[in-house]
PDB file of N, CA and C in Angstrom:
ATOM      1  N   MET A   1       1.513   6.329  16.930  1.00  0.00           N
ATOM      2  CA  MET A   1       0.515   5.336  16.499  1.00  0.00           C
ATOM      3  C   MET A   1      -0.360   5.902  15.371  1.00  0.00           C
ATOM      4  N   LYS A   2      -0.672   7.188  15.478  1.00  0.00           N
ATOM      5  CA  LYS A   2      -1.523   7.782  14.435  1.00  0.00           C
ATOM      6  C   LYS A   2      -0.830   7.717  13.067  1.00  0.00           C
ATOM      7  N   LYS A   3       0.485   7.990  13.089  1.00  0.00           N
ATOM      8  CA  LYS A   3       1.232   7.950  11.822  1.00  0.00           C
ATOM      9  C   LYS A   3       1.171   6.540  11.233  1.00  0.00           C
ATOM     10  N   ARG A   4       1.304   5.553  12.119  1.00  0.00           N
ATOM     11  CA  ARG A   4       1.302   4.173  11.660  1.00  0.00           C
ATOM     12  C   ARG A   4      -0.047   3.841  11.001  1.00  0.00           C
ATOM     13  N   LYS A   5      -1.124   4.347  11.569  1.00  0.00           N
ATOM     14  CA  LYS A   5      -2.454   4.085  11.013  1.00  0.00           C
ATOM     15  C   LYS A   5      -2.519   4.653   9.589  1.00  0.00           C
ATOM     16  N   GLY A   6      -1.967   5.857   9.411  1.00  0.00           N
ATOM     17  CA  GLY A   6      -1.963   6.482   8.091  1.00  0.00           C
ATOM     18  C   GLY A   6      -1.131   5.665   7.111  1.00  0.00           C
ATOM     19  N   GLU A   7      -0.003   5.153   7.585  1.00  0.00           N
ATOM     20  CA  GLU A   7       0.847   4.337   6.713  1.00  0.00           C
ATOM     21  C   GLU A   7       0.112   3.078   6.284  1.00  0.00           C
ATOM     22  N   ASN A   8      -0.621   2.488   7.213  1.00  0.00           N
ATOM     23  CA  ASN A   8      -1.381   1.284   6.876  1.00  0.00           C
ATOM     24  C   ASN A   8      -2.410   1.596   5.802  1.00  0.00           C
ATOM     25  N   ALA A   9      -3.029   2.767   5.902  1.00  0.00           N
ATOM     26  CA  ALA A   9      -4.031   3.166   4.912  1.00  0.00           C
ATOM     27  C   ALA A   9      -3.363   3.304   3.541  1.00  0.00           C
ATOM     28  N   ASP A  10      -2.162   3.879   3.519  1.00  0.00           N
ATOM     29  CA  ASP A  10      -1.438   4.023   2.252  1.00  0.00           C
ATOM     30  C   ASP A  10      -1.116   2.648   1.669  1.00  0.00           C
ATOM     31  N   ASP A  11      -0.680   1.729   2.521  1.00  0.00           N
ATOM     32  CA  ASP A  11      -0.362   0.374   2.056  1.00  0.00           C
ATOM     33  C   ASP A  11      -1.599  -0.272   1.451  1.00  0.00           C
ATOM     34  N   THR A  12      -2.733  -0.118   2.130  1.00  0.00           N
ATOM     35  CA  THR A  12      -3.975  -0.717   1.635  1.00  0.00           C
ATOM     36  C   THR A  12      -4.321  -0.130   0.273  1.00  0.00           C
ATOM     37  N   LYS A  13      -4.132   1.177   0.120  1.00  0.00           N
ATOM     38  CA  LYS A  13      -4.442   1.831  -1.154  1.00  0.00           C
ATOM     39  C   LYS A  13      -3.513   1.298  -2.249  1.00  0.00           C
ATOM     40  N   GLN A  14      -2.236   1.138  -1.915  1.00  0.00           N
ATOM     41  CA  GLN A  14      -1.286   0.611  -2.903  1.00  0.00           C
ATOM     42  C   GLN A  14      -1.679  -0.796  -3.329  1.00  0.00           C
ATOM     43  N   ILE A  15      -2.069  -1.616  -2.367  1.00  0.00           N
ATOM     44  CA  ILE A  15      -2.485  -2.989  -2.682  1.00  0.00           C
ATOM     45  C   ILE A  15      -3.721  -2.956  -3.577  1.00  0.00           C
ATOM     46  N   ALA A  16      -4.664  -2.069  -3.265  1.00  0.00           N
ATOM     47  CA  ALA A  16      -5.886  -1.956  -4.067  1.00  0.00           C
ATOM     48  C   ALA A  16      -5.523  -1.532  -5.490  1.00  0.00           C
ATOM     49  N   ASP A  17      -4.596  -0.571  -5.618  1.00  0.00           N
ATOM     50  CA  ASP A  17      -4.173  -0.126  -6.949  1.00  0.00           C
ATOM     51  C   ASP A  17      -3.529  -1.281  -7.706  1.00  0.00           C
ATOM     52  N   GLY A  18      -2.690  -2.045  -7.038  1.00  0.00           N
ATOM     53  CA  GLY A  18      -2.031  -3.182  -7.676  1.00  0.00           C
ATOM     54  C   GLY A  18      -3.044  -4.215  -8.135  1.00  0.00           C
ATOM     55  N   THR A  19      -4.037  -4.484  -7.298  1.00  0.00           N
ATOM     56  CA  THR A  19      -5.067  -5.461  -7.660  1.00  0.00           C
ATOM     57  C   THR A  19      -5.844  -4.974  -8.874  1.00  0.00           C
ATOM     58  N   LYS A  20      -6.136  -3.678  -8.910  1.00  0.00           N
ATOM     59  CA  LYS A  20      -6.884  -3.115 -10.034  1.00  0.00           C
ATOM     60  C   LYS A  20      -6.066  -3.249 -11.323  1.00  0.00           C
ATOM     61  N   GLN A  21      -4.771  -3.002 -11.228  1.00  0.00           N
ATOM     62  CA  GLN A  21      -3.912  -3.102 -12.409  1.00  0.00           C
ATOM     63  C   GLN A  21      -3.895  -4.536 -12.926  1.00  0.00           C
ATOM     64  N   ILE A  22      -3.820  -5.500 -12.025  1.00  0.00           N
ATOM     65  CA  ILE A  22      -3.829  -6.909 -12.429  1.00  0.00           C
ATOM     66  C   ILE A  22      -5.148  -7.232 -13.126  1.00  0.00           C
ATOM     67  N   ALA A  23      -6.252  -6.715 -12.596  1.00  0.00           N
ATOM     68  CA  ALA A  23      -7.565  -6.949 -13.199  1.00  0.00           C
ATOM     69  C   ALA A  23      -7.598  -6.351 -14.604  1.00  0.00           C
ATOM     70  N   ASP A  24      -7.025  -5.153 -14.765  1.00  0.00           N
ATOM     71  CA  ASP A  24      -6.989  -4.515 -16.083  1.00  0.00           C
ATOM     72  C   ASP A  24      -6.156  -5.357 -17.048  1.00  0.00           C
ATOM     73  N   ASP A  25      -5.018  -5.858 -16.590  1.00  0.00           N
ATOM     74  CA  ASP A  25      -4.164  -6.693 -17.435  1.00  0.00           C
ATOM     75  C   ASP A  25      -4.925  -7.946 -17.872  1.00  0.00           C
ATOM     76  N   THR A  26      -5.658  -8.545 -16.957  1.00  0.00           N
ATOM     77  CA  THR A  26      -6.423  -9.754 -17.273  1.00  0.00           C
ATOM     78  C   THR A  26      -7.464  -9.444 -18.337  1.00  0.00           C
ATOM     79  N   LYS A  27      -8.118  -8.298 -18.206  1.00  0.00           N
ATOM     80  CA  LYS A  27      -9.131  -7.890 -19.202  1.00  0.00           C
ATOM     81  C   LYS A  27      -8.484  -7.767 -20.575  1.00  0.00           C
ATOM     82  N   GLN A  28      -7.322  -7.120 -20.629  1.00  0.00           N
ATOM     83  CA  GLN A  28      -6.635  -6.930 -21.911  1.00  0.00           C
ATOM     84  C   GLN A  28      -6.265  -8.282 -22.519  1.00  0.00           C
ATOM     85  N   ASN A  29      -5.815  -9.198 -21.694  1.00  0.00           N
ATOM     86  CA  ASN A  29      -5.442 -10.522 -22.196  1.00  0.00           C
ATOM     87  C   ASN A  29      -6.655 -11.230 -22.786  1.00  0.00           C
ATOM     88  N   LYS A  30      -7.810 -11.075 -22.163  1.00  0.00           N
ATOM     89  CA  LYS A  30      -9.024 -11.729 -22.662  1.00  0.00           C
ATOM     90  C   LYS A  30      -9.456 -11.129 -23.994  1.00  0.00           C
ATOM     91  N   LYS A  31      -9.166  -9.836 -24.198  1.00  0.00           N
ATOM     92  CA  LYS A  31      -9.561  -9.164 -25.447  1.00  0.00           C
ATOM     93  C   LYS A  31      -8.766  -9.699 -26.642  1.00  0.00           C
ATOM     94  N   ARG A  32      -7.574 -10.207 -26.386  1.00  0.00           N
ATOM     95  CA  ARG A  32      -6.733 -10.703 -27.489  1.00  0.00           C
ATOM     96  C   ARG A  32      -7.398 -11.886 -28.181  1.00  0.00           C
ATOM     97  N   PRO A  33      -7.345 -11.932 -29.496  1.00  0.00           N
ATOM     98  CA  PRO A  33      -7.990 -13.024 -30.248  1.00  0.00           C
ATOM     99  C   PRO A  33      -7.358 -14.385 -29.987  1.00  0.00           C
ATOM    100  N   GLU A  34      -6.070 -14.389 -29.581  1.00  0.00           N
ATOM    101  CA  GLU A  34      -5.393 -15.669 -29.362  1.00  0.00           C
ATOM    102  C   GLU A  34      -6.148 -16.513 -28.355  1.00  0.00           C
TER     103      GLU A  34
END
């Protein structure tokens, strides 16, 4: 069970990283003059 808890934490971190990347992409798109 302890291992599973650690895996869940890793999944949450991956999701957070993915969300951050999407936010960065959105920022870059807004910077474009188009």
